[in-house]
């Protein structure tokens, strides 16, 4: 099984996480590309990104449909920590923008 996160894009060769806000688009494109490569090779894939809005999940949903893969969203509703030291005010903004994934939204 393959596992991808956009945050993996920011891990250097020594395993250090070095986030660069200006490269977030590249990180998400990398995550989508890696996911598509794995699905094209018939691999199972887990993507664990911070999807706040439904549209952020849509590329993965469409890929799953295209490759005949099962698509499942697991939403975390508890506090599971903050491993990347995201500022509390940013997390609050994300919470206000949150959209639950709904089957009918597809």
PDB file of N, CA and C in Angstrom:
ATOM      1  N   UNK A   1       0.845  -1.173   0.000  1.00  0.00           N
ATOM      2  CA  UNK A   1       0.000   0.000   0.000  1.00  0.00           C
ATOM      3  C   UNK A   1       0.891   1.237   0.000  1.00  0.00           C
ATOM      4  N   UNK A   2       0.523   2.205  -0.820  1.00  0.00           N
ATOM      5  CA  UNK A   2       1.265   3.462  -0.887  1.00  0.00           C
ATOM      6  C   UNK A   2       0.600   4.491   0.026  1.00  0.00           C
ATOM      7  N   UNK A   3       1.405   5.365   0.591  1.00  0.00           N
ATOM      8  CA  UNK A   3       0.900   6.430   1.459  1.00  0.00           C
ATOM      9  C   UNK A   3       1.562   7.736   1.053  1.00  0.00           C
ATOM     10  N   UNK A   4       0.729   8.758   0.819  1.00  0.00           N
ATOM     11  CA  UNK A   4       1.258  10.058   0.416  1.00  0.00           C
ATOM     12  C   UNK A   4       0.595  11.171   1.208  1.00  0.00           C
ATOM     13  N   UNK A   5       1.369  12.208   1.441  1.00  0.00           N
ATOM     14  CA  UNK A   5       0.902  13.451   2.047  1.00  0.00           C
ATOM     15  C   UNK A   5       1.636  14.577   1.335  1.00  0.00           C
ATOM     16  N   UNK A   6       0.977  15.687   1.113  1.00  0.00           N
ATOM     17  CA  UNK A   6       1.658  16.840   0.522  1.00  0.00           C
ATOM     18  C   UNK A   6       2.851  17.245   1.379  1.00  0.00           C
ATOM     19  N   UNK A   7       2.754  17.069   2.691  1.00  0.00           N
ATOM     20  CA  UNK A   7       3.861  17.425   3.580  1.00  0.00           C
ATOM     21  C   UNK A   7       5.130  16.638   3.288  1.00  0.00           C
ATOM     22  N   UNK A   8       5.027  15.462   2.691  1.00  0.00           N
ATOM     23  CA  UNK A   8       6.211  14.670   2.361  1.00  0.00           C
ATOM     24  C   UNK A   8       7.117  15.415   1.378  1.00  0.00           C
ATOM     25  N   UNK A   9       6.531  16.281   0.593  1.00  0.00           N
ATOM     26  CA  UNK A   9       7.287  17.071  -0.379  1.00  0.00           C
ATOM     27  C   UNK A   9       8.321  17.960   0.313  1.00  0.00           C
ATOM     28  N   UNK A  10       8.059  18.312   1.546  1.00  0.00           N
ATOM     29  CA  UNK A  10       8.923  19.229   2.289  1.00  0.00           C
ATOM     30  C   UNK A  10       9.944  18.525   3.183  1.00  0.00           C
ATOM     31  N   UNK A  11      10.076  17.223   3.047  1.00  0.00           N
ATOM     32  CA  UNK A  11      11.057  16.471   3.834  1.00  0.00           C
ATOM     33  C   UNK A  11      12.321  16.316   2.994  1.00  0.00           C
ATOM     34  N   UNK A  12      13.438  16.792   3.530  1.00  0.00           N
ATOM     35  CA  UNK A  12      14.688  16.727   2.779  1.00  0.00           C
ATOM     36  C   UNK A  12      15.327  15.338   2.895  1.00  0.00           C
ATOM     37  N   UNK A  13      16.468  15.170   2.249  1.00  0.00           N
ATOM     38  CA  UNK A  13      17.150  13.867   2.194  1.00  0.00           C
ATOM     39  C   UNK A  13      17.549  13.348   3.565  1.00  0.00           C
ATOM     40  N   UNK A  14      17.747  14.258   4.524  1.00  0.00           N
ATOM     41  CA  UNK A  14      18.118  13.849   5.882  1.00  0.00           C
ATOM     42  C   UNK A  14      16.901  13.597   6.767  1.00  0.00           C
ATOM     43  N   UNK A  15      15.704  13.746   6.196  1.00  0.00           N
ATOM     44  CA  UNK A  15      14.488  13.500   6.966  1.00  0.00           C
ATOM     45  C   UNK A  15      13.967  14.708   7.731  1.00  0.00           C
ATOM     46  N   UNK A  16      14.508  15.884   7.448  1.00  0.00           N
ATOM     47  CA  UNK A  16      14.057  17.109   8.116  1.00  0.00           C
ATOM     48  C   UNK A  16      12.899  17.744   7.356  1.00  0.00           C
ATOM     49  N   UNK A  17      11.892  18.162   8.092  1.00  0.00           N
ATOM     50  CA  UNK A  17      10.725  18.822   7.508  1.00  0.00           C
ATOM     51  C   UNK A  17      11.025  20.309   7.379  1.00  0.00           C
ATOM     52  N   UNK A  18      10.938  20.827   6.159  1.00  0.00           N
ATOM     53  CA  UNK A  18      11.216  22.241   5.893  1.00  0.00           C
ATOM     54  C   UNK A  18      10.106  22.818   5.022  1.00  0.00           C
ATOM     55  N   UNK A  19       9.042  23.229   5.673  1.00  0.00           N
ATOM     56  CA  UNK A  19       7.874  23.766   4.969  1.00  0.00           C
ATOM     57  C   UNK A  19       8.213  25.091   4.287  1.00  0.00           C
ATOM     58  N   UNK A  20       7.722  25.236   3.053  1.00  0.00           N
ATOM     59  CA  UNK A  20       7.877  26.476   2.284  1.00  0.00           C
ATOM     60  C   UNK A  20       6.519  26.821   1.700  1.00  0.00           C
ATOM     61  N   UNK A  21       5.859  27.808   2.287  1.00  0.00           N
ATOM     62  CA  UNK A  21       4.493  28.167   1.896  1.00  0.00           C
ATOM     63  C   UNK A  21       4.366  28.433   0.403  1.00  0.00           C
ATOM     64  N   UNK A  22       5.386  29.028  -0.195  1.00  0.00           N
ATOM     65  CA  UNK A  22       5.312  29.361  -1.625  1.00  0.00           C
ATOM     66  C   UNK A  22       5.317  28.124  -2.527  1.00  0.00           C
ATOM     67  N   UNK A  23       5.612  26.955  -1.960  1.00  0.00           N
ATOM     68  CA  UNK A  23       5.648  25.715  -2.751  1.00  0.00           C
ATOM     69  C   UNK A  23       4.488  24.781  -2.444  1.00  0.00           C
ATOM     70  N   UNK A  24       3.465  25.278  -1.764  1.00  0.00           N
ATOM     71  CA  UNK A  24       2.356  24.398  -1.383  1.00  0.00           C
ATOM     72  C   UNK A  24       1.633  23.836  -2.612  1.00  0.00           C
ATOM     73  N   UNK A  25       1.506  24.632  -3.657  1.00  0.00           N
ATOM     74  CA  UNK A  25       0.882  24.142  -4.891  1.00  0.00           C
ATOM     75  C   UNK A  25       1.676  22.995  -5.505  1.00  0.00           C
ATOM     76  N   UNK A  26       2.995  23.137  -5.519  1.00  0.00           N
ATOM     77  CA  UNK A  26       3.870  22.078  -6.027  1.00  0.00           C
ATOM     78  C   UNK A  26       3.740  20.818  -5.176  1.00  0.00           C
ATOM     79  N   UNK A  27       3.632  21.011  -3.875  1.00  0.00           N
ATOM     80  CA  UNK A  27       3.508  19.866  -2.969  1.00  0.00           C
ATOM     81  C   UNK A  27       2.225  19.093  -3.244  1.00  0.00           C
ATOM     82  N   UNK A  28       1.132  19.796  -3.446  1.00  0.00           N
ATOM     83  CA  UNK A  28      -0.136  19.107  -3.725  1.00  0.00           C
ATOM     84  C   UNK A  28      -0.123  18.466  -5.109  1.00  0.00           C
ATOM     85  N   UNK A  29       0.519  19.103  -6.074  1.00  0.00           N
ATOM     86  CA  UNK A  29       0.642  18.496  -7.402  1.00  0.00           C
ATOM     87  C   UNK A  29       1.479  17.219  -7.316  1.00  0.00           C
ATOM     88  N   UNK A  30       2.560  17.263  -6.540  1.00  0.00           N
ATOM     89  CA  UNK A  30       3.405  16.079  -6.340  1.00  0.00           C
ATOM     90  C   UNK A  30       2.575  14.946  -5.723  1.00  0.00           C
ATOM     91  N   UNK A  31       1.788  15.272  -4.709  1.00  0.00           N
ATOM     92  CA  UNK A  31       0.972  14.273  -4.025  1.00  0.00           C
ATOM     93  C   UNK A  31      -0.026  13.638  -4.996  1.00  0.00           C
ATOM     94  N   UNK A  32      -0.656  14.459  -5.811  1.00  0.00           N
ATOM     95  CA  UNK A  32      -1.606  13.932  -6.790  1.00  0.00           C
ATOM     96  C   UNK A  32      -0.898  13.066  -7.837  1.00  0.00           C
ATOM     97  N   UNK A  33       0.271  13.500  -8.288  1.00  0.00           N
ATOM     98  CA  UNK A  33       1.027  12.718  -9.281  1.00  0.00           C
ATOM     99  C   UNK A  33       1.448  11.363  -8.732  1.00  0.00           C
ATOM    100  N   UNK A  34       1.945  11.355  -7.510  1.00  0.00           N
ATOM    101  CA  UNK A  34       2.355  10.096  -6.889  1.00  0.00           C
ATOM    102  C   UNK A  34       1.159   9.166  -6.707  1.00  0.00           C
ATOM    103  N   UNK A  35       0.035   9.736  -6.312  1.00  0.00           N
ATOM    104  CA  UNK A  35      -1.187   8.948  -6.141  1.00  0.00           C
ATOM    105  C   UNK A  35      -1.615   8.343  -7.467  1.00  0.00           C
ATOM    106  N   UNK A  36      -1.609   9.151  -8.514  1.00  0.00           N
ATOM    107  CA  UNK A  36      -2.026   8.651  -9.825  1.00  0.00           C
ATOM    108  C   UNK A  36      -1.082   7.555 -10.321  1.00  0.00           C
ATOM    109  N   UNK A  37       0.222   7.741 -10.144  1.00  0.00           N
ATOM    110  CA  UNK A  37       1.171   6.696 -10.557  1.00  0.00           C
ATOM    111  C   UNK A  37       0.882   5.383  -9.845  1.00  0.00           C
ATOM    112  N   UNK A  38       0.612   5.466  -8.564  1.00  0.00           N
ATOM    113  CA  UNK A  38       0.331   4.253  -7.788  1.00  0.00           C
ATOM    114  C   UNK A  38      -0.964   3.598  -8.237  1.00  0.00           C
ATOM    115  N   UNK A  39      -1.999   4.387  -8.442  1.00  0.00           N
ATOM    116  CA  UNK A  39      -3.270   3.823  -8.907  1.00  0.00           C
ATOM    117  C   UNK A  39      -3.119   3.206 -10.291  1.00  0.00           C
ATOM    118  N   UNK A  40      -2.335   3.838 -11.153  1.00  0.00           N
ATOM    119  CA  UNK A  40      -2.095   3.293 -12.498  1.00  0.00           C
ATOM    120  C   UNK A  40      -1.385   1.950 -12.430  1.00  0.00           C
ATOM    121  N   UNK A  41      -0.625   1.727 -11.350  1.00  0.00           N
ATOM    122  CA  UNK A  41       0.066   0.449 -11.142  1.00  0.00           C
ATOM    123  C   UNK A  41      -0.738  -0.501 -10.260  1.00  0.00           C
ATOM    124  N   UNK A  42      -2.034  -0.214 -10.109  1.00  0.00           N
ATOM    125  CA  UNK A  42      -2.974  -1.055  -9.359  1.00  0.00           C
ATOM    126  C   UNK A  42      -2.653  -1.154  -7.874  1.00  0.00           C
ATOM    127  N   UNK A  43      -1.961  -0.166  -7.338  1.00  0.00           N
ATOM    128  CA  UNK A  43      -1.643  -0.171  -5.909  1.00  0.00           C
ATOM    129  C   UNK A  43      -2.786   0.472  -5.121  1.00  0.00           C
ATOM    130  N   UNK A  44      -2.951   0.029  -3.900  1.00  0.00           N
ATOM    131  CA  UNK A  44      -3.849   0.711  -2.969  1.00  0.00           C
ATOM    132  C   UNK A  44      -3.120   1.950  -2.469  1.00  0.00           C
ATOM    133  N   UNK A  45      -3.867   3.027  -2.247  1.00  0.00           N
ATOM    134  CA  UNK A  45      -3.251   4.293  -1.865  1.00  0.00           C
ATOM    135  C   UNK A  45      -4.022   4.910  -0.705  1.00  0.00           C
ATOM    136  N   UNK A  46      -3.271   5.443   0.244  1.00  0.00           N
ATOM    137  CA  UNK A  46      -3.829   6.255   1.321  1.00  0.00           C
ATOM    138  C   UNK A  46      -3.233   7.645   1.158  1.00  0.00           C
ATOM    139  N   UNK A  47      -4.100   8.656   1.133  1.00  0.00           N
ATOM    140  CA  UNK A  47      -3.657  10.048   1.087  1.00  0.00           C
ATOM    141  C   UNK A  47      -4.130  10.697   2.370  1.00  0.00           C
ATOM    142  N   UNK A  48      -3.193  11.239   3.135  1.00  0.00           N
ATOM    143  CA  UNK A  48      -3.573  11.897   4.387  1.00  0.00           C
ATOM    144  C   UNK A  48      -3.135  13.355   4.334  1.00  0.00           C
ATOM    145  N   UNK A  49      -4.009  14.156   3.779  1.00  0.00           N
ATOM    146  CA  UNK A  49      -3.791  15.597   3.708  1.00  0.00           C
ATOM    147  C   UNK A  49      -4.825  16.282   4.578  1.00  0.00           C
ATOM    148  N   UNK A  50      -4.606  17.554   4.820  1.00  0.00           N
ATOM    149  CA  UNK A  50      -5.592  18.352   5.542  1.00  0.00           C
ATOM    150  C   UNK A  50      -6.560  18.912   4.503  1.00  0.00           C
ATOM    151  N   UNK A  51      -7.586  18.155   4.205  1.00  0.00           N
ATOM    152  CA  UNK A  51      -8.597  18.584   3.251  1.00  0.00           C
ATOM    153  C   UNK A  51      -9.655  19.368   4.007  1.00  0.00           C
ATOM    154  N   UNK A  52      -9.693  20.668   3.798  1.00  0.00           N
ATOM    155  CA  UNK A  52     -10.651  21.515   4.498  1.00  0.00           C
ATOM    156  C   UNK A  52     -11.909  21.701   3.658  1.00  0.00           C
ATOM    157  N   UNK A  53     -11.736  21.838   2.358  1.00  0.00           N
ATOM    158  CA  UNK A  53     -12.855  22.059   1.446  1.00  0.00           C
ATOM    159  C   UNK A  53     -13.048  20.826   0.566  1.00  0.00           C
ATOM    160  N   UNK A  54     -14.289  20.579   0.170  1.00  0.00           N
ATOM    161  CA  UNK A  54     -14.586  19.395  -0.658  1.00  0.00           C
ATOM    162  C   UNK A  54     -13.790  19.395  -1.964  1.00  0.00           C
ATOM    163  N   UNK A  55     -13.654  20.557  -2.590  1.00  0.00           N
ATOM    164  CA  UNK A  55     -12.970  20.606  -3.884  1.00  0.00           C
ATOM    165  C   UNK A  55     -11.526  20.104  -3.782  1.00  0.00           C
ATOM    166  N   UNK A  56     -10.938  20.169  -2.603  1.00  0.00           N
ATOM    167  CA  UNK A  56      -9.563  19.708  -2.435  1.00  0.00           C
ATOM    168  C   UNK A  56      -9.458  18.187  -2.563  1.00  0.00           C
ATOM    169  N   UNK A  57     -10.549  17.491  -2.310  1.00  0.00           N
ATOM    170  CA  UNK A  57     -10.567  16.025  -2.417  1.00  0.00           C
ATOM    171  C   UNK A  57     -10.934  15.544  -3.813  1.00  0.00           C
ATOM    172  N   UNK A  58     -11.551  16.407  -4.586  1.00  0.00           N
ATOM    173  CA  UNK A  58     -12.081  15.992  -5.884  1.00  0.00           C
ATOM    174  C   UNK A  58     -11.055  15.373  -6.830  1.00  0.00           C
ATOM    175  N   UNK A  59      -9.822  15.875  -6.931  1.00  0.00           N
ATOM    176  CA  UNK A  59      -8.877  15.211  -7.832  1.00  0.00           C
ATOM    177  C   UNK A  59      -8.663  13.736  -7.457  1.00  0.00           C
ATOM    178  N   UNK A  60      -8.650  13.447  -6.179  1.00  0.00           N
ATOM    179  CA  UNK A  60      -8.448  12.070  -5.721  1.00  0.00           C
ATOM    180  C   UNK A  60      -9.685  11.221  -5.975  1.00  0.00           C
ATOM    181  N   UNK A  61     -10.843  11.811  -5.787  1.00  0.00           N
ATOM    182  CA  UNK A  61     -12.102  11.119  -6.079  1.00  0.00           C
ATOM    183  C   UNK A  61     -12.164  10.753  -7.566  1.00  0.00           C
ATOM    184  N   UNK A  62     -11.826  11.712  -8.417  1.00  0.00           N
ATOM    185  CA  UNK A  62     -11.858  11.471  -9.869  1.00  0.00           C
ATOM    186  C   UNK A  62     -10.838  10.426 -10.281  1.00  0.00           C
ATOM    187  N   UNK A  63      -9.653  10.454  -9.653  1.00  0.00           N
ATOM    188  CA  UNK A  63      -8.641   9.431  -9.947  1.00  0.00           C
ATOM    189  C   UNK A  63      -9.154   8.049  -9.573  1.00  0.00           C
ATOM    190  N   UNK A  64      -9.754   7.946  -8.396  1.00  0.00           N
ATOM    191  CA  UNK A  64     -10.272   6.654  -7.942  1.00  0.00           C
ATOM    192  C   UNK A  64     -11.307   6.125  -8.937  1.00  0.00           C
ATOM    193  N   UNK A  65     -12.200   6.995  -9.394  1.00  0.00           N
ATOM    194  CA  UNK A  65     -13.204   6.575 -10.381  1.00  0.00           C
ATOM    195  C   UNK A  65     -12.536   6.124 -11.672  1.00  0.00           C
ATOM    196  N   UNK A  66     -11.550   6.900 -12.121  1.00  0.00           N
ATOM    197  CA  UNK A  66     -10.868   6.595 -13.384  1.00  0.00           C
ATOM    198  C   UNK A  66     -10.170   5.235 -13.333  1.00  0.00           C
ATOM    199  N   UNK A  67      -9.621   4.872 -12.179  1.00  0.00           N
ATOM    200  CA  UNK A  67      -8.879   3.620 -12.046  1.00  0.00           C
ATOM    201  C   UNK A  67      -9.693   2.506 -11.393  1.00  0.00           C
ATOM    202  N   UNK A  68     -10.971   2.766 -11.148  1.00  0.00           N
ATOM    203  CA  UNK A  68     -11.830   1.736 -10.564  1.00  0.00           C
ATOM    204  C   UNK A  68     -11.454   1.386  -9.135  1.00  0.00           C
ATOM    205  N   UNK A  69     -10.899   2.344  -8.419  1.00  0.00           N
ATOM    206  CA  UNK A  69     -10.486   2.113  -7.032  1.00  0.00           C
ATOM    207  C   UNK A  69     -11.601   2.539  -6.081  1.00  0.00           C
ATOM    208  N   UNK A  70     -11.671   1.868  -4.955  1.00  0.00           N
ATOM    209  CA  UNK A  70     -12.619   2.267  -3.916  1.00  0.00           C
ATOM    210  C   UNK A  70     -12.173   3.598  -3.340  1.00  0.00           C
ATOM    211  N   UNK A  71     -13.118   4.480  -3.083  1.00  0.00           N
ATOM    212  CA  UNK A  71     -12.808   5.796  -2.518  1.00  0.00           C
ATOM    213  C   UNK A  71     -13.492   5.922  -1.174  1.00  0.00           C
ATOM    214  N   UNK A  72     -12.705   6.184  -0.148  1.00  0.00           N
ATOM    215  CA  UNK A  72     -13.253   6.322   1.197  1.00  0.00           C
ATOM    216  C   UNK A  72     -12.619   7.529   1.864  1.00  0.00           C
ATOM    217  N   UNK A  73     -13.434   8.314   2.537  1.00  0.00           N
ATOM    218  CA  UNK A  73     -12.944   9.462   3.297  1.00  0.00           C
ATOM    219  C   UNK A  73     -13.130   9.158   4.771  1.00  0.00           C
ATOM    220  N   UNK A  74     -12.066   9.309   5.523  1.00  0.00           N
ATOM    221  CA  UNK A  74     -12.128   9.153   6.974  1.00  0.00           C
ATOM    222  C   UNK A  74     -11.857  10.520   7.567  1.00  0.00           C
ATOM    223  N   UNK A  75     -12.856  11.063   8.226  1.00  0.00           N
ATOM    224  CA  UNK A  75     -12.722  12.386   8.825  1.00  0.00           C
ATOM    225  C   UNK A  75     -12.346  12.258  10.296  1.00  0.00           C
ATOM    226  N   UNK A  76     -11.369  13.030  10.696  1.00  0.00           N
ATOM    227  CA  UNK A  76     -10.957  13.069  12.096  1.00  0.00           C
ATOM    228  C   UNK A  76     -11.673  14.232  12.771  1.00  0.00           C
ATOM    229  N   UNK A  77     -12.378  13.941  13.830  1.00  0.00           N
ATOM    230  CA  UNK A  77     -13.158  14.972  14.511  1.00  0.00           C
ATOM    231  C   UNK A  77     -12.633  15.301  15.904  1.00  0.00           C
ATOM    232  N   UNK A  78     -11.531  14.755  16.270  1.00  0.00           N
ATOM    233  CA  UNK A  78     -10.943  15.002  17.588  1.00  0.00           C
ATOM    234  C   UNK A  78      -9.676  15.833  17.417  1.00  0.00           C
ATOM    235  N   UNK A  79      -8.989  16.096  18.494  1.00  0.00           N
ATOM    236  CA  UNK A  79      -7.723  16.806  18.454  1.00  0.00           C
ATOM    237  C   UNK A  79      -6.604  15.763  18.437  1.00  0.00           C
ATOM    238  N   UNK A  80      -5.873  15.702  17.341  1.00  0.00           N
ATOM    239  CA  UNK A  80      -4.806  14.718  17.203  1.00  0.00           C
ATOM    240  C   UNK A  80      -3.426  15.358  17.183  1.00  0.00           C
ATOM    241  N   UNK A  81      -3.328  16.560  17.724  1.00  0.00           N
ATOM    242  CA  UNK A  81      -2.042  17.218  17.807  1.00  0.00           C
ATOM    243  C   UNK A  81      -1.740  18.056  16.584  1.00  0.00           C
ATOM    244  N   UNK A  82      -0.586  18.655  16.622  1.00  0.00           N
ATOM    245  CA  UNK A  82      -0.171  19.596  15.602  1.00  0.00           C
ATOM    246  C   UNK A  82       1.316  19.372  15.365  1.00  0.00           C
ATOM    247  N   UNK A  83       1.653  18.407  14.558  1.00  0.00           N
ATOM    248  CA  UNK A  83       3.054  18.005  14.401  1.00  0.00           C
ATOM    249  C   UNK A  83       3.897  19.023  13.644  1.00  0.00           C
ATOM    250  N   UNK A  84       3.258  19.950  12.919  1.00  0.00           N
ATOM    251  CA  UNK A  84       4.009  20.925  12.126  1.00  0.00           C
ATOM    252  C   UNK A  84       3.964  22.334  12.704  1.00  0.00           C
ATOM    253  N   UNK A  85       3.549  22.444  13.961  1.00  0.00           N
ATOM    254  CA  UNK A  85       3.538  23.727  14.660  1.00  0.00           C
ATOM    255  C   UNK A  85       2.763  24.813  13.913  1.00  0.00           C
ATOM    256  N   UNK A  86       1.619  24.443  13.365  1.00  0.00           N
ATOM    257  CA  UNK A  86       0.748  25.413  12.704  1.00  0.00           C
ATOM    258  C   UNK A  86       0.186  26.339  13.774  1.00  0.00           C
ATOM    259  N   UNK A  87       0.195  27.621  13.489  1.00  0.00           N
ATOM    260  CA  UNK A  87      -0.278  28.621  14.448  1.00  0.00           C
ATOM    261  C   UNK A  87      -1.745  28.380  14.793  1.00  0.00           C
ATOM    262  N   UNK A  88      -2.120  28.532  16.060  1.00  0.00           N
ATOM    263  CA  UNK A  88      -3.513  28.309  16.472  1.00  0.00           C
ATOM    264  C   UNK A  88      -4.531  29.123  15.685  1.00  0.00           C
ATOM    265  N   UNK A  89      -4.212  30.355  15.311  1.00  0.00           N
ATOM    266  CA  UNK A  89      -5.176  31.154  14.557  1.00  0.00           C
ATOM    267  C   UNK A  89      -5.403  30.587  13.150  1.00  0.00           C
ATOM    268  N   UNK A  90      -4.398  29.953  12.577  1.00  0.00           N
ATOM    269  CA  UNK A  90      -4.543  29.304  11.268  1.00  0.00           C
ATOM    270  C   UNK A  90      -5.469  28.096  11.392  1.00  0.00           C
ATOM    271  N   UNK A  91      -5.286  27.320  12.432  1.00  0.00           N
ATOM    272  CA  UNK A  91      -6.149  26.152  12.653  1.00  0.00           C
ATOM    273  C   UNK A  91      -7.592  26.605  12.851  1.00  0.00           C
ATOM    274  N   UNK A  92      -7.804  27.686  13.576  1.00  0.00           N
ATOM    275  CA  UNK A  92      -9.157  28.210  13.775  1.00  0.00           C
ATOM    276  C   UNK A  92      -9.780  28.648  12.453  1.00  0.00           C
ATOM    277  N   UNK A  93      -8.997  29.286  11.595  1.00  0.00           N
ATOM    278  CA  UNK A  93      -9.508  29.679  10.274  1.00  0.00           C
ATOM    279  C   UNK A  93      -9.893  28.445   9.460  1.00  0.00           C
ATOM    280  N   UNK A  94      -9.083  27.408   9.542  1.00  0.00           N
ATOM    281  CA  UNK A  94      -9.369  26.171   8.813  1.00  0.00           C
ATOM    282  C   UNK A  94     -10.654  25.540   9.331  1.00  0.00           C
ATOM    283  N   UNK A  95     -10.847  25.546  10.631  1.00  0.00           N
ATOM    284  CA  UNK A  95     -12.063  24.975  11.219  1.00  0.00           C
ATOM    285  C   UNK A  95     -13.305  25.700  10.727  1.00  0.00           C
ATOM    286  N   UNK A  96     -13.218  27.030  10.585  1.00  0.00           N
ATOM    287  CA  UNK A  96     -14.360  27.816  10.121  1.00  0.00           C
ATOM    288  C   UNK A  96     -14.699  27.530   8.667  1.00  0.00           C
ATOM    289  N   UNK A  97     -13.707  27.137   7.884  1.00  0.00           N
ATOM    290  CA  UNK A  97     -13.914  26.847   6.461  1.00  0.00           C
ATOM    291  C   UNK A  97     -14.270  25.376   6.192  1.00  0.00           C
ATOM    292  N   UNK A  98     -14.247  24.543   7.229  1.00  0.00           N
ATOM    293  CA  UNK A  98     -14.433  23.096   7.098  1.00  0.00           C
ATOM    294  C   UNK A  98     -15.721  22.733   6.359  1.00  0.00           C
ATOM    295  N   UNK A  99     -15.600  21.813   5.424  1.00  0.00           N
ATOM    296  CA  UNK A  99     -16.743  21.225   4.745  1.00  0.00           C
ATOM    297  C   UNK A  99     -16.641  19.714   4.880  1.00  0.00           C
ATOM    298  N   UNK A 100     -17.666  19.119   5.427  1.00  0.00           N
ATOM    299  CA  UNK A 100     -17.709  17.675   5.559  1.00  0.00           C
ATOM    300  C   UNK A 100     -17.869  17.045   4.175  1.00  0.00           C
ATOM    301  N   UNK A 101     -17.193  15.920   3.957  1.00  0.00           N
ATOM    302  CA  UNK A 101     -17.350  15.182   2.704  1.00  0.00           C
ATOM    303  C   UNK A 101     -18.699  14.493   2.733  1.00  0.00           C
ATOM    304  N   UNK A 102     -19.471  14.689   1.691  1.00  0.00           N
ATOM    305  CA  UNK A 102     -20.772  14.031   1.589  1.00  0.00           C
ATOM    306  C   UNK A 102     -20.851  13.323   0.255  1.00  0.00           C
ATOM    307  N   UNK A 103     -21.404  12.141   0.300  1.00  0.00           N
ATOM    308  CA  UNK A 103     -21.533  11.380  -0.941  1.00  0.00           C
ATOM    309  C   UNK A 103     -22.293  12.153  -2.008  1.00  0.00           C
ATOM    310  N   UNK A 104     -23.328  12.860  -1.605  1.00  0.00           N
ATOM    311  CA  UNK A 104     -24.127  13.596  -2.597  1.00  0.00           C
ATOM    312  C   UNK A 104     -23.365  14.793  -3.184  1.00  0.00           C
ATOM    313  N   UNK A 105     -22.255  15.196  -2.542  1.00  0.00           N
ATOM    314  CA  UNK A 105     -21.454  16.299  -3.066  1.00  0.00           C
ATOM    315  C   UNK A 105     -20.618  15.848  -4.270  1.00  0.00           C
ATOM    316  N   UNK A 106     -20.515  14.555  -4.472  1.00  0.00           N
ATOM    317  CA  UNK A 106     -19.695  14.023  -5.541  1.00  0.00           C
ATOM    318  C   UNK A 106     -20.421  14.198  -6.842  1.00  0.00           C
TER     319      UNK A 106
END
